[in-house]
Structures are given as structure tokens and as C-alpha cells.
Amino acid sequence: MSPTFDIFGLINNPVEREKHFYTMEQLLEQIAYCIEFGKVDQKTPYPPDMKGQEGADELTAKALEEGIKSTEILDNALIPAMSRVGEKFK
């Protein structure tokens, strides 16, 4: 059976995902998307199309474990995503 993929082209199933390598850019992009659309962690049912998928919490922890510097996560994922959220409220 072939794996299913999320909106980033990453494997949905966390167990299967662990078997694959993702670039730093893909991981930061996914963190930013989770922040922008309110996907806090895997337990959060919102947004519905991401139910059961890892959220910003797990992905940020994974990025840190993989050696991505906290400043890179802030500068390239968290701050840009929060800026996009701010633009939506103007």
C-alpha cells in the first residue's frame, strides 16, 4: 500500500514519515503552515484537513532535534507565519 501525502508532499503517517528524510526547508515550511492555520499539535482537530497530523509543537521539536538552530526556526518559519496571520486581520 502506498503512503498518503499531506499538502506539503510529506507522508501523513508519522511512523512512515520517520523512515524518510526531509530537507530543512520542507520542515520550516510545514511549521510555518501550522502556525498560520492554527495547527498547534497532533491532538488539535483544527484545521480539519490536518486532523491527526503533527502540529507546530512536534515539528518544532523535530527541527531542534535535527540541529536546526532556534534562530533559523524563528526567522524562517515562526515570524513569517505570524506576519501572514497579522496581515489577515488588517
C-alpha atoms as a PDB file:
ATOM      1  CA  MET A   1       0.000   0.000   0.000  1.00  0.00           C
ATOM      2  CA  SER A   2       1.370   3.393  -0.976  1.00  0.00           C
ATOM      3  CA  PRO A   3       1.648   6.121   1.665  1.00  0.00           C
ATOM      4  CA  THR A   4      -0.658   9.135   1.574  1.00  0.00           C
ATOM      5  CA  PHE A   5       0.800  12.617   1.472  1.00  0.00           C
ATOM      6  CA  ASP A   6      -0.134  15.914   3.125  1.00  0.00           C
ATOM      7  CA  ILE A   7      -0.319  19.327   1.464  1.00  0.00           C
ATOM      8  CA  PHE A   8       3.479  19.638   1.550  1.00  0.00           C
ATOM      9  CA  GLY A   9       4.039  16.346  -0.199  1.00  0.00           C
ATOM     10  CA  LEU A  10       5.173  14.827   3.099  1.00  0.00           C
ATOM     11  CA  ILE A  11       3.945  11.428   4.262  1.00  0.00           C
ATOM     12  CA  ASN A  12       0.852  11.684   6.516  1.00  0.00           C
ATOM     13  CA  ASN A  13       1.575   8.704   8.753  1.00  0.00           C
ATOM     14  CA  PRO A  14       4.103   9.746  11.441  1.00  0.00           C
ATOM     15  CA  VAL A  15       5.552   6.217  11.658  1.00  0.00           C
ATOM     16  CA  GLU A  16       6.172   6.092   7.907  1.00  0.00           C
ATOM     17  CA  ARG A  17       7.410   9.697   7.931  1.00  0.00           C
ATOM     18  CA  GLU A  18      10.198   8.761  10.346  1.00  0.00           C
ATOM     19  CA  LYS A  19      11.642   6.465   7.671  1.00  0.00           C
ATOM     20  CA  HIS A  20      12.165   9.339   5.257  1.00  0.00           C
ATOM     21  CA  PHE A  21      14.441  12.371   5.254  1.00  0.00           C
ATOM     22  CA  TYR A  22      13.042  15.853   4.719  1.00  0.00           C
ATOM     23  CA  THR A  23      15.013  18.975   3.996  1.00  0.00           C
ATOM     24  CA  MET A  24      15.290  21.814   6.449  1.00  0.00           C
ATOM     25  CA  GLU A  25      13.246  23.975   4.067  1.00  0.00           C
ATOM     26  CA  GLN A  26      10.399  21.456   3.965  1.00  0.00           C
ATOM     27  CA  LEU A  27      10.309  21.217   7.736  1.00  0.00           C
ATOM     28  CA  LEU A  28      10.356  25.006   8.217  1.00  0.00           C
ATOM     29  CA  GLU A  29       7.663  25.387   5.566  1.00  0.00           C
ATOM     30  CA  GLN A  30       5.463  22.895   7.383  1.00  0.00           C
ATOM     31  CA  ILE A  31       5.998  24.646  10.745  1.00  0.00           C
ATOM     32  CA  ALA A  32       5.035  27.969   9.165  1.00  0.00           C
ATOM     33  CA  TYR A  33       1.886  26.468   7.658  1.00  0.00           C
ATOM     34  CA  CYS A  34       0.861  25.014  11.028  1.00  0.00           C
ATOM     35  CA  ILE A  35       1.333  28.385  12.705  1.00  0.00           C
ATOM     36  CA  GLU A  36      -0.588  30.242  10.007  1.00  0.00           C
ATOM     37  CA  PHE A  37      -3.547  27.885  10.101  1.00  0.00           C
ATOM     38  CA  GLY A  38      -3.647  27.142  13.839  1.00  0.00           C
ATOM     39  CA  LYS A  39      -2.378  23.558  13.945  1.00  0.00           C
ATOM     40  CA  VAL A  40      -0.848  23.625  17.422  1.00  0.00           C
ATOM     41  CA  ASP A  41      -0.132  19.931  17.947  1.00  0.00           C
ATOM     42  CA  GLN A  42      -1.143  16.490  16.756  1.00  0.00           C
ATOM     43  CA  LYS A  43      -4.137  16.336  19.144  1.00  0.00           C
ATOM     44  CA  THR A  44      -5.620  19.564  17.792  1.00  0.00           C
ATOM     45  CA  PRO A  45      -8.507  18.680  15.443  1.00  0.00           C
ATOM     46  CA  TYR A  46      -8.205  22.017  13.647  1.00  0.00           C
ATOM     47  CA  PRO A  47      -7.871  22.539  10.757  1.00  0.00           C
ATOM     48  CA  PRO A  48      -9.982  19.518   9.769  1.00  0.00           C
ATOM     49  CA  ASP A  49      -7.821  18.617   6.745  1.00  0.00           C
ATOM     50  CA  MET A  50      -4.823  18.228   9.081  1.00  0.00           C
ATOM     51  CA  LYS A  51      -6.547  16.166  11.780  1.00  0.00           C
ATOM     52  CA  GLY A  52      -4.126  13.605  13.208  1.00  0.00           C
ATOM     53  CA  GLN A  53      -1.069  15.199  11.621  1.00  0.00           C
ATOM     54  CA  GLU A  54       1.810  16.681  13.578  1.00  0.00           C
ATOM     55  CA  GLY A  55       1.443  20.325  14.538  1.00  0.00           C
ATOM     56  CA  ALA A  56       3.794  23.202  15.208  1.00  0.00           C
ATOM     57  CA  ASP A  57       4.805  21.783  18.590  1.00  0.00           C
ATOM     58  CA  GLU A  58       6.003  18.407  17.307  1.00  0.00           C
ATOM     59  CA  LEU A  59       7.536  19.826  14.134  1.00  0.00           C
ATOM     60  CA  THR A  60       9.471  22.495  16.035  1.00  0.00           C
ATOM     61  CA  ALA A  61      10.796  19.867  18.444  1.00  0.00           C
ATOM     62  CA  LYS A  62      11.801  17.709  15.463  1.00  0.00           C
ATOM     63  CA  ALA A  63      13.580  20.671  13.832  1.00  0.00           C
ATOM     64  CA  LEU A  64      15.547  21.337  17.011  1.00  0.00           C
ATOM     65  CA  GLU A  65      16.419  17.630  17.328  1.00  0.00           C
ATOM     66  CA  GLU A  66      17.693  17.664  13.741  1.00  0.00           C
ATOM     67  CA  GLY A  67      20.046  20.507  14.600  1.00  0.00           C
ATOM     68  CA  ILE A  68      18.168  23.434  13.092  1.00  0.00           C
ATOM     69  CA  LYS A  69      19.050  26.498  15.146  1.00  0.00           C
ATOM     70  CA  SER A  70      16.254  28.166  17.088  1.00  0.00           C
ATOM     71  CA  THR A  71      17.017  31.468  15.355  1.00  0.00           C
ATOM     72  CA  GLU A  72      16.536  29.792  11.963  1.00  0.00           C
ATOM     73  CA  ILE A  73      13.167  28.424  13.079  1.00  0.00           C
ATOM     74  CA  LEU A  74      12.123  31.855  14.314  1.00  0.00           C
ATOM     75  CA  ASP A  75      13.393  33.782  11.293  1.00  0.00           C
ATOM     76  CA  ASN A  76      12.333  31.349   8.584  1.00  0.00           C
ATOM     77  CA  ALA A  77       9.114  29.829   9.934  1.00  0.00           C
ATOM     78  CA  LEU A  78       7.545  31.378  13.028  1.00  0.00           C
ATOM     79  CA  ILE A  79       7.931  35.097  12.338  1.00  0.00           C
ATOM     80  CA  PRO A  80       6.901  34.921   8.651  1.00  0.00           C
ATOM     81  CA  ALA A  81       3.847  32.807   9.553  1.00  0.00           C
ATOM     82  CA  MET A  82       2.814  35.194  12.318  1.00  0.00           C
ATOM     83  CA  SER A  83       3.231  38.105   9.907  1.00  0.00           C
ATOM     84  CA  ARG A  84       0.844  36.406   7.457  1.00  0.00           C
ATOM     85  CA  VAL A  85      -1.672  35.902  10.258  1.00  0.00           C
ATOM     86  CA  GLY A  86      -1.349  39.597  11.144  1.00  0.00           C
ATOM     87  CA  GLU A  87      -1.980  40.607   7.527  1.00  0.00           C
ATOM     88  CA  LYS A  88      -5.225  38.627   7.554  1.00  0.00           C
ATOM     89  CA  PHE A  89      -6.518  40.755  10.441  1.00  0.00           C
ATOM     90  CA  LYS A  90      -5.923  44.132   8.758  1.00  0.00           C
END
